[in-house]
N, C-alpha and C. Protein backbone atom coordinates (compact mmCIF):
# COMPACT_ATOMS: atom_id res chain seq x y z
N MET A 1 0.84 -1.17 0.00
CA MET A 1 0.00 0.00 0.00
C MET A 1 0.90 1.24 0.00
N PRO A 2 1.00 1.91 -1.13
CA PRO A 2 1.85 3.10 -1.22
C PRO A 2 1.45 4.18 -0.21
N GLY A 3 2.46 4.77 0.43
CA GLY A 3 2.20 5.83 1.39
C GLY A 3 1.83 5.32 2.77
N PHE A 4 1.69 4.01 2.90
CA PHE A 4 1.32 3.42 4.19
C PHE A 4 2.48 2.60 4.72
N GLN A 5 2.52 2.46 6.04
CA GLN A 5 3.56 1.68 6.70
C GLN A 5 2.88 0.78 7.73
N GLN A 6 3.41 -0.43 7.88
CA GLN A 6 2.85 -1.31 8.90
C GLN A 6 2.98 -0.64 10.26
N LEU A 7 1.96 -0.82 11.09
CA LEU A 7 1.91 -0.16 12.39
C LEU A 7 3.13 -0.49 13.24
N SER A 8 3.60 -1.72 13.17
CA SER A 8 4.77 -2.11 13.97
C SER A 8 6.02 -1.34 13.54
N TRP A 9 6.20 -1.14 12.24
CA TRP A 9 7.34 -0.37 11.74
C TRP A 9 7.20 1.11 12.11
N ALA A 10 5.99 1.62 12.02
CA ALA A 10 5.74 3.02 12.39
C ALA A 10 6.04 3.23 13.88
N ALA A 11 5.63 2.28 14.71
CA ALA A 11 5.89 2.39 16.15
C ALA A 11 7.40 2.43 16.42
N THR A 12 8.14 1.60 15.73
CA THR A 12 9.60 1.60 15.88
C THR A 12 10.18 2.95 15.48
N GLY A 13 9.74 3.48 14.35
CA GLY A 13 10.23 4.78 13.88
C GLY A 13 9.85 5.92 14.80
N LEU A 14 8.72 5.80 15.46
CA LEU A 14 8.26 6.83 16.39
C LEU A 14 8.79 6.62 17.81
N GLU A 15 9.53 5.54 17.98
CA GLU A 15 10.09 5.17 19.28
C GLU A 15 9.01 5.02 20.34
N THR A 16 7.97 4.26 19.97
CA THR A 16 6.88 3.96 20.88
C THR A 16 6.45 2.53 20.67
N GLU A 17 5.40 2.13 21.34
CA GLU A 17 4.88 0.77 21.25
C GLU A 17 3.67 0.73 20.33
N VAL A 18 3.43 -0.42 19.72
CA VAL A 18 2.26 -0.61 18.87
C VAL A 18 0.98 -0.35 19.67
N VAL A 19 0.94 -0.80 20.91
CA VAL A 19 -0.27 -0.61 21.73
C VAL A 19 -0.57 0.86 21.95
N THR A 20 0.47 1.70 22.00
CA THR A 20 0.26 3.14 22.15
C THR A 20 -0.44 3.69 20.92
N LEU A 21 0.02 3.29 19.73
CA LEU A 21 -0.62 3.75 18.50
C LEU A 21 -2.04 3.19 18.38
N GLN A 22 -2.24 1.96 18.81
CA GLN A 22 -3.59 1.38 18.80
C GLN A 22 -4.50 2.17 19.74
N ASP A 23 -3.98 2.58 20.89
CA ASP A 23 -4.75 3.40 21.82
C ASP A 23 -5.11 4.74 21.18
N PHE A 24 -4.17 5.36 20.48
CA PHE A 24 -4.46 6.61 19.77
C PHE A 24 -5.59 6.40 18.77
N GLY A 25 -5.58 5.25 18.11
CA GLY A 25 -6.65 4.94 17.16
C GLY A 25 -7.99 4.76 17.84
N ARG A 26 -8.01 4.07 18.98
CA ARG A 26 -9.26 3.87 19.72
C ARG A 26 -9.83 5.21 20.21
N ARG A 27 -8.95 6.12 20.53
CA ARG A 27 -9.38 7.44 21.00
C ARG A 27 -9.84 8.34 19.85
N GLY A 28 -9.60 7.90 18.62
CA GLY A 28 -9.98 8.70 17.46
C GLY A 28 -8.95 9.75 17.09
N TRP A 29 -7.76 9.65 17.67
CA TRP A 29 -6.71 10.64 17.42
C TRP A 29 -6.00 10.39 16.10
N ILE A 30 -5.86 9.11 15.72
CA ILE A 30 -5.27 8.75 14.43
C ILE A 30 -6.16 7.71 13.77
N LYS A 31 -5.96 7.54 12.46
CA LYS A 31 -6.70 6.54 11.71
C LYS A 31 -5.72 5.51 11.17
N THR A 32 -6.12 4.25 11.26
CA THR A 32 -5.32 3.16 10.70
C THR A 32 -6.20 2.40 9.72
N VAL A 33 -5.55 1.55 8.92
CA VAL A 33 -6.24 0.76 7.91
C VAL A 33 -5.85 -0.70 8.10
N GLU A 34 -6.83 -1.58 8.06
CA GLU A 34 -6.58 -3.02 8.15
C GLU A 34 -6.61 -3.61 6.74
N LYS A 35 -5.61 -4.44 6.42
CA LYS A 35 -5.59 -5.15 5.14
C LYS A 35 -4.86 -6.47 5.31
N ASN A 36 -5.52 -7.53 4.92
CA ASN A 36 -4.95 -8.88 5.00
C ASN A 36 -4.41 -9.21 6.39
N GLY A 37 -5.13 -8.79 7.41
CA GLY A 37 -4.76 -9.11 8.78
C GLY A 37 -3.68 -8.23 9.38
N SER A 38 -3.19 -7.26 8.62
CA SER A 38 -2.17 -6.34 9.13
C SER A 38 -2.76 -4.95 9.25
N THR A 39 -2.19 -4.16 10.15
CA THR A 39 -2.64 -2.79 10.37
C THR A 39 -1.59 -1.84 9.81
N PHE A 40 -2.08 -0.84 9.05
CA PHE A 40 -1.21 0.13 8.41
C PHE A 40 -1.59 1.53 8.84
N ILE A 41 -0.62 2.45 8.72
CA ILE A 41 -0.84 3.86 9.04
C ILE A 41 -0.26 4.70 7.92
N ALA A 42 -0.99 5.74 7.53
CA ALA A 42 -0.54 6.64 6.46
C ALA A 42 0.47 7.65 7.01
N ALA A 43 1.23 8.25 6.11
CA ALA A 43 2.27 9.20 6.50
C ALA A 43 1.70 10.37 7.29
N ASP A 44 0.54 10.90 6.88
CA ASP A 44 -0.02 12.04 7.60
C ASP A 44 -0.43 11.65 9.01
N GLN A 45 -0.84 10.40 9.20
CA GLN A 45 -1.23 9.94 10.52
C GLN A 45 -0.01 9.66 11.39
N ARG A 46 1.11 9.26 10.77
CA ARG A 46 2.37 9.13 11.53
C ARG A 46 2.80 10.50 12.04
N TYR A 47 2.67 11.51 11.20
CA TYR A 47 3.00 12.89 11.60
C TYR A 47 2.13 13.31 12.78
N ARG A 48 0.84 13.00 12.70
CA ARG A 48 -0.09 13.33 13.78
C ARG A 48 0.28 12.57 15.06
N ALA A 49 0.62 11.29 14.93
CA ALA A 49 1.01 10.47 16.08
C ALA A 49 2.27 11.04 16.73
N ARG A 50 3.23 11.49 15.92
CA ARG A 50 4.46 12.09 16.47
C ARG A 50 4.12 13.33 17.29
N PHE A 51 3.19 14.15 16.79
CA PHE A 51 2.77 15.34 17.50
C PHE A 51 2.10 14.97 18.83
N ILE A 52 1.24 13.96 18.81
CA ILE A 52 0.56 13.51 20.03
C ILE A 52 1.58 12.99 21.05
N LEU A 53 2.53 12.22 20.58
CA LEU A 53 3.58 11.72 21.48
C LEU A 53 4.35 12.87 22.10
N HIS A 54 4.60 13.90 21.31
CA HIS A 54 5.30 15.08 21.83
C HIS A 54 4.45 15.77 22.90
N LEU A 55 3.15 15.87 22.66
CA LEU A 55 2.26 16.48 23.65
C LEU A 55 2.28 15.70 24.96
N ARG A 56 2.34 14.39 24.86
CA ARG A 56 2.35 13.54 26.06
C ARG A 56 3.67 13.59 26.80
N THR A 57 4.75 13.43 26.06
CA THR A 57 6.05 13.25 26.70
C THR A 57 6.77 14.55 27.03
N LYS A 58 6.67 15.52 26.16
CA LYS A 58 7.39 16.79 26.38
C LYS A 58 6.53 17.82 27.09
N LYS A 59 5.26 17.90 26.75
CA LYS A 59 4.37 18.89 27.35
C LYS A 59 3.61 18.32 28.55
N HIS A 60 3.61 16.99 28.70
CA HIS A 60 2.94 16.31 29.80
C HIS A 60 1.45 16.65 29.87
N LEU A 61 0.80 16.67 28.70
CA LEU A 61 -0.62 16.99 28.65
C LEU A 61 -1.46 15.77 28.98
N SER A 62 -2.61 16.01 29.58
CA SER A 62 -3.56 14.93 29.86
C SER A 62 -4.29 14.56 28.58
N ASP A 63 -4.97 13.43 28.59
CA ASP A 63 -5.74 13.02 27.41
C ASP A 63 -6.80 14.06 27.08
N GLN A 64 -7.40 14.65 28.09
CA GLN A 64 -8.43 15.68 27.86
C GLN A 64 -7.80 16.91 27.18
N GLN A 65 -6.62 17.31 27.61
CA GLN A 65 -5.95 18.44 26.98
C GLN A 65 -5.55 18.13 25.54
N ILE A 66 -5.11 16.89 25.30
CA ILE A 66 -4.76 16.47 23.94
C ILE A 66 -6.01 16.50 23.06
N ASP A 67 -7.14 16.00 23.58
CA ASP A 67 -8.41 16.07 22.83
C ASP A 67 -8.70 17.50 22.42
N LEU A 68 -8.55 18.42 23.34
CA LEU A 68 -8.82 19.84 23.07
C LEU A 68 -7.89 20.36 21.97
N VAL A 69 -6.61 20.12 22.11
CA VAL A 69 -5.64 20.61 21.12
C VAL A 69 -5.95 20.04 19.74
N LEU A 70 -6.21 18.74 19.66
CA LEU A 70 -6.48 18.12 18.37
C LEU A 70 -7.80 18.59 17.76
N SER A 71 -8.74 18.99 18.59
CA SER A 71 -10.02 19.48 18.06
C SER A 71 -9.88 20.87 17.44
N VAL A 72 -8.84 21.60 17.85
CA VAL A 72 -8.63 22.97 17.36
C VAL A 72 -7.57 23.03 16.27
N GLN A 73 -6.47 22.31 16.45
CA GLN A 73 -5.33 22.43 15.53
C GLN A 73 -5.45 21.55 14.31
N ARG A 74 -4.91 22.06 13.21
CA ARG A 74 -4.78 21.31 11.96
C ARG A 74 -3.32 21.40 11.52
N PRO A 75 -2.85 20.44 10.74
CA PRO A 75 -1.45 20.50 10.28
C PRO A 75 -1.21 21.78 9.46
N PRO A 76 -0.01 22.33 9.51
CA PRO A 76 1.13 21.90 10.32
C PRO A 76 0.93 22.31 11.78
N TYR A 77 1.24 21.38 12.67
CA TYR A 77 1.04 21.60 14.09
C TYR A 77 2.10 22.54 14.65
N SER A 78 1.71 23.34 15.63
CA SER A 78 2.62 24.30 16.24
C SER A 78 2.54 24.20 17.75
N MET A 79 3.70 24.02 18.39
CA MET A 79 3.71 23.95 19.84
C MET A 79 3.32 25.29 20.45
N ALA A 80 3.65 26.40 19.79
CA ALA A 80 3.25 27.72 20.29
C ALA A 80 1.73 27.83 20.32
N ASP A 81 1.06 27.25 19.33
CA ASP A 81 -0.40 27.27 19.31
C ASP A 81 -0.99 26.44 20.45
N VAL A 82 -0.29 25.39 20.83
CA VAL A 82 -0.77 24.54 21.92
C VAL A 82 -0.91 25.36 23.20
N ASP A 83 0.11 26.11 23.52
CA ASP A 83 0.05 26.94 24.72
C ASP A 83 -1.09 27.95 24.64
N ARG A 84 -1.27 28.56 23.49
CA ARG A 84 -2.35 29.53 23.30
C ARG A 84 -3.71 28.86 23.46
N ILE A 85 -3.89 27.70 22.86
CA ILE A 85 -5.17 26.96 22.96
C ILE A 85 -5.49 26.64 24.41
N LEU A 86 -4.50 26.16 25.14
CA LEU A 86 -4.71 25.81 26.55
C LEU A 86 -5.05 27.05 27.39
N ARG A 87 -4.34 28.14 27.13
CA ARG A 87 -4.63 29.39 27.86
C ARG A 87 -6.05 29.88 27.58
N GLU A 88 -6.44 29.88 26.30
CA GLU A 88 -7.78 30.35 25.93
C GLU A 88 -8.85 29.47 26.54
N ASN A 89 -8.62 28.17 26.61
CA ASN A 89 -9.59 27.26 27.19
C ASN A 89 -9.73 27.48 28.70
N GLU A 90 -8.58 27.73 29.37
CA GLU A 90 -8.62 28.03 30.80
C GLU A 90 -9.40 29.31 31.07
N ALA A 91 -9.20 30.31 30.22
CA ALA A 91 -9.88 31.60 30.38
C ALA A 91 -11.37 31.45 30.14
N ALA A 92 -11.75 30.60 29.19
CA ALA A 92 -13.16 30.38 28.86
C ALA A 92 -13.84 29.50 29.91
N GLY A 93 -13.06 28.60 30.55
CA GLY A 93 -13.62 27.65 31.51
C GLY A 93 -13.79 28.27 32.83
């Protein structure tokens, strides 16, 4: 499948576990494709997964905060926008 990578290879490249990417898929954060018993991820979804991993590991955001950021931001993702989104949400809440 051109443009797609097996989930296990993507996890290795992202320096995470397959179960983490599967969890992102269950949460609706990324989309994967099943074919012939294997799970694949597209390049744009790998980019999105890398951003989510960064939000978790570097910014230490909760799942709820990640949901908020992903609902507002579109590629290309910006860490500066993340801080602004969180501040605006705190002010509105």
